[in-house]
Protein backbone atom coordinates (compact mmCIF):
# COMPACT_ATOMS: atom_id res chain seq x y z
CA MET A 1 2.97 42.63 8.04
CA ALA A 2 0.16 42.47 5.45
CA SER A 3 -0.74 39.34 4.43
CA SER A 4 -2.56 37.73 1.07
CA LEU A 5 -4.06 35.03 3.27
CA THR A 6 -6.82 34.76 5.34
CA CYS A 7 -6.89 32.62 8.64
CA ALA A 8 -7.84 29.22 7.26
CA GLY A 9 -5.05 30.24 4.56
CA VAL A 10 -2.28 30.67 7.42
CA VAL A 11 -3.53 27.46 8.27
CA TRP A 12 -3.38 26.07 5.29
CA ALA A 13 0.21 27.78 4.51
CA LEU A 14 1.54 26.07 8.14
CA LEU A 15 0.24 22.24 7.33
CA SER A 16 1.37 22.52 3.77
CA PHE A 17 4.60 23.36 5.11
CA LEU A 18 4.03 19.92 7.00
CA CYS A 19 2.74 18.29 5.20
CA ALA A 20 6.03 19.09 2.53
CA ALA A 21 8.47 18.44 5.41
CA ALA A 22 6.90 15.16 6.26
CA SER A 23 6.87 13.73 2.85
CA CYS A 24 10.22 15.06 1.69
CA VAL A 25 12.32 13.88 5.12
CA GLY A 26 10.28 10.55 4.88
CA PHE A 27 11.21 10.45 0.76
CA PHE A 28 15.28 11.40 1.94
CA MET A 29 16.06 8.84 4.39
CA PRO A 30 16.51 5.48 3.56
CA TYR A 31 14.37 3.40 5.86
CA TRP A 32 11.37 2.62 4.20
CA LEU A 33 12.19 -0.93 4.23
CA LEU A 34 13.83 -2.54 6.96
CA GLY A 35 15.49 -6.15 7.16
CA SER A 36 19.41 -7.51 8.29
CA GLN A 37 21.75 -9.43 6.21
CA MET A 38 24.91 -11.08 7.65
CA GLY A 39 23.51 -10.37 11.09
CA LYS A 40 23.57 -6.50 10.63
CA PRO A 41 20.32 -4.43 10.19
CA VAL A 42 19.80 -3.63 6.57
CA SER A 43 17.64 -0.54 5.29
CA PHE A 44 16.69 0.72 2.20
CA GLY A 45 15.04 3.97 0.73
CA THR A 46 14.02 4.54 -2.97
CA PHE A 47 17.50 5.85 -4.04
CA ARG A 48 19.44 5.39 -0.81
CA ARG A 49 20.89 1.98 1.00
CA CYS A 50 21.79 1.85 4.72
CA SER A 51 24.92 -1.12 5.60
CA TYR A 52 25.51 -3.22 2.03
CA PRO A 53 28.04 -5.93 1.59
CA VAL A 54 32.00 -5.24 0.71
CA ARG A 55 34.71 -7.61 -0.48
CA ASP A 56 37.55 -7.49 2.54
CA GLU A 57 40.52 -7.26 0.92
CA ALA A 58 42.44 -8.93 4.06
CA GLY A 59 39.86 -11.36 4.44
CA GLY A 60 38.87 -12.67 1.16
CA GLY A 61 35.80 -13.13 2.03
CA THR A 62 32.40 -10.43 2.25
CA VAL A 63 31.97 -8.29 5.11
CA MET A 64 28.85 -5.43 5.63
CA LEU A 65 29.87 -2.11 5.55
CA GLU A 66 27.29 -0.02 8.20
CA GLN A 67 26.83 3.15 6.70
CA CYS A 68 24.34 4.78 4.37
CA GLY A 69 24.84 6.08 1.54
CA ARG A 70 23.40 6.33 -2.59
CA TYR A 71 23.64 3.81 -5.22
CA ALA A 72 26.49 4.57 -7.54
CA SER A 73 24.15 5.92 -10.51
CA PHE A 74 20.43 5.64 -11.32
CA GLN A 75 20.67 2.53 -13.17
CA GLY A 76 22.06 1.02 -9.69
CA ILE A 77 18.53 1.04 -7.77
CA PRO A 78 17.64 -2.42 -8.07
CA SER A 79 14.75 -2.71 -9.55
CA LEU A 80 13.06 -0.45 -12.78
CA GLU A 81 9.95 0.04 -10.12
CA TRP A 82 12.40 1.63 -7.56
CA ARG A 83 13.59 4.24 -10.35
CA ILE A 84 10.07 4.86 -11.65
CA CYS A 85 9.43 5.70 -7.57
CA THR A 86 11.94 7.41 -7.11
CA VAL A 87 11.30 10.04 -10.13
CA VAL A 88 7.42 9.98 -9.35
CA THR A 89 7.54 10.79 -5.46
CA GLY A 90 10.59 13.42 -5.82
CA THR A 91 8.71 14.86 -8.50
CA GLY A 92 5.21 15.01 -5.97
CA CYS A 93 7.84 16.40 -3.46
CA GLY A 94 8.92 18.99 -5.47
CA LEU A 95 5.43 20.15 -5.93
CA LEU A 96 4.12 19.87 -2.14
CA LEU A 97 7.28 22.15 -1.33
CA LEU A 98 7.12 24.54 -4.02
CA VAL A 99 3.51 25.02 -3.08
CA ALA A 100 4.20 25.05 0.79
CA LEU A 101 6.82 27.71 0.33
CA THR A 102 4.80 30.07 -1.84
CA ALA A 103 2.30 29.68 1.16
CA LEU A 104 4.56 30.70 3.46
CA MET A 105 5.63 33.41 1.49
CA ALA A 106 2.19 34.71 1.02
CA CYS A 107 1.76 34.84 5.10
CA CYS A 108 4.03 38.55 4.63
CA ILE A 109 3.59 39.31 1.07
CA THR A 110 0.26 41.23 0.29
CA ASP A 111 -2.02 40.31 -3.15
CA LEU A 112 0.16 36.89 -3.84
CA ILE A 113 -2.11 34.36 -3.62
CA SER A 114 -5.80 35.52 -4.31
CA ARG A 115 -9.02 32.87 -4.37
CA THR A 116 -8.05 31.78 -7.83
CA ILE A 117 -4.35 31.36 -7.22
CA GLY A 118 -5.26 29.24 -4.02
CA ARG A 119 -7.31 26.74 -5.81
CA VAL A 120 -4.53 26.30 -8.19
CA ALA A 121 -2.30 25.92 -5.19
CA GLY A 122 -4.45 23.08 -4.17
CA GLY A 123 -4.52 21.49 -7.10
CA ILE A 124 -0.94 21.59 -7.37
CA GLN A 125 -1.21 19.98 -3.83
CA PHE A 126 -3.59 17.45 -5.18
CA VAL A 127 -1.24 16.45 -7.99
CA GLY A 128 1.83 16.14 -5.43
CA GLY A 129 -0.15 13.70 -3.47
CA LEU A 130 -1.15 11.41 -5.96
CA LEU A 131 2.32 11.24 -7.60
CA ILE A 132 3.70 10.48 -3.99
CA GLY A 133 0.91 7.97 -3.41
CA SER A 134 1.95 6.74 -6.51
CA GLY A 135 5.51 6.04 -5.62
CA CYS A 136 4.17 4.47 -2.36
CA ALA A 137 2.08 2.14 -4.45
CA LEU A 138 5.18 1.05 -7.18
CA TYR A 139 7.56 0.59 -4.08
CA PRO A 140 6.65 -3.05 -3.08
CA LEU A 141 6.76 -3.71 -6.81
CA GLY A 142 10.75 -3.81 -6.28
CA TRP A 143 10.61 -6.20 -3.20
CA ASP A 144 11.75 -9.21 -5.65
CA SER A 145 14.98 -7.75 -6.93
CA GLU A 146 18.12 -9.47 -5.51
CA GLU A 147 19.19 -7.00 -3.06
CA VAL A 148 15.70 -6.91 -1.00
CA LYS A 149 15.88 -10.53 -1.20
CA GLN A 150 19.09 -11.51 0.50
CA THR A 151 18.30 -8.49 2.91
CA CYS A 152 14.44 -10.82 3.68
CA SER A 153 15.65 -13.89 4.07
CA ASN A 154 15.38 -15.26 0.43
CA SER A 155 11.56 -14.72 1.03
CA SER A 156 10.68 -11.82 -0.22
CA ASN A 157 8.48 -11.06 -3.59
CA GLN A 158 6.26 -8.24 -4.98
CA PHE A 159 3.81 -7.13 -2.25
CA ASP A 160 5.18 -10.26 0.49
CA LEU A 161 8.14 -8.69 2.56
CA GLY A 162 9.23 -11.70 3.88
CA SER A 163 11.21 -11.30 6.94
CA CYS A 164 11.93 -7.65 6.70
CA GLU A 165 8.92 -5.11 7.68
CA ILE A 166 7.97 -1.62 6.36
CA GLY A 167 10.20 1.72 7.88
CA TRP A 168 9.23 4.81 9.69
CA ALA A 169 10.16 6.40 6.31
CA TYR A 170 7.45 4.72 4.18
CA TYR A 171 5.18 5.97 6.41
CA CYS A 172 5.98 9.23 6.92
CA THR A 173 5.89 9.90 2.72
CA GLY A 174 2.54 8.40 2.60
CA ALA A 175 1.20 10.64 5.35
CA GLY A 176 2.47 13.68 4.11
CA ALA A 177 1.03 12.98 0.55
CA VAL A 178 -2.45 11.76 2.45
CA VAL A 179 -2.81 15.32 4.20
CA ALA A 180 -2.09 17.31 1.53
CA MET A 181 -4.34 15.30 -1.05
CA LEU A 182 -7.26 15.51 0.97
CA LEU A 183 -6.87 18.43 3.92
CA CYS A 184 -4.40 20.82 2.32
CA THR A 185 -6.59 20.78 -1.20
CA TRP A 186 -9.76 21.30 0.46
CA MET A 187 -8.34 24.13 2.79
CA ALA A 188 -6.30 26.01 -0.67
CA CYS A 189 -10.06 27.09 -1.73
CA PHE A 190 -10.22 29.37 1.25
CA ALA A 191 -6.94 30.55 1.81
CA GLY A 192 -6.54 33.35 -0.72
CA LYS A 193 -8.31 37.07 0.29
CA LYS A 194 -11.14 37.91 -2.64
CA GLN A 195 -9.47 40.47 -5.02
CA LYS A 196 -10.82 44.31 -5.04
CA HIS A 197 -11.99 45.22 -7.83
CA TYR A 198 -10.61 48.71 -8.53
CA PRO A 199 -12.83 50.93 -10.82
CA TYR A 200 -10.58 52.64 -13.38
């Protein structure tokens, strides 16, 4: 099978896919923030949550429903900062995934990625990583929302977790973005083969 990538380009394609996968999985999973409420473990993502209080029709009180789900609407996300984080991080993940899938296709298709296209792809990866990093930086601004305070013993505030802790999905998303920004962007410059100039 012919490839339009150099040896460094093949490594770039695989690393790009791993970074995109790490960022996308971390973004989708609701384990960015971990705490407890009513004695049950609770976790949050940017647009998903695990374990939430519901009214008990039989007993008339409130019980914790231990399952994960999305918020009912975009406006249902607990804070404006988390809404912005969802859009920004989702866009960044989309860009990383687009470049990663194109790079993987270039392993099998000739003349798909030239040196110039590789550099443009690296630039797109840098922007994608920057967007995800911005989303990760915005996320702590939403820790002062009422839902998070209830989960963190009413002691959380912006950039102050209270009794909660940061979950693995937050680190996974951020790590994928950092590697994409620093390593993949650099490797993309050497990914494509020089184009052959044909005399006409």
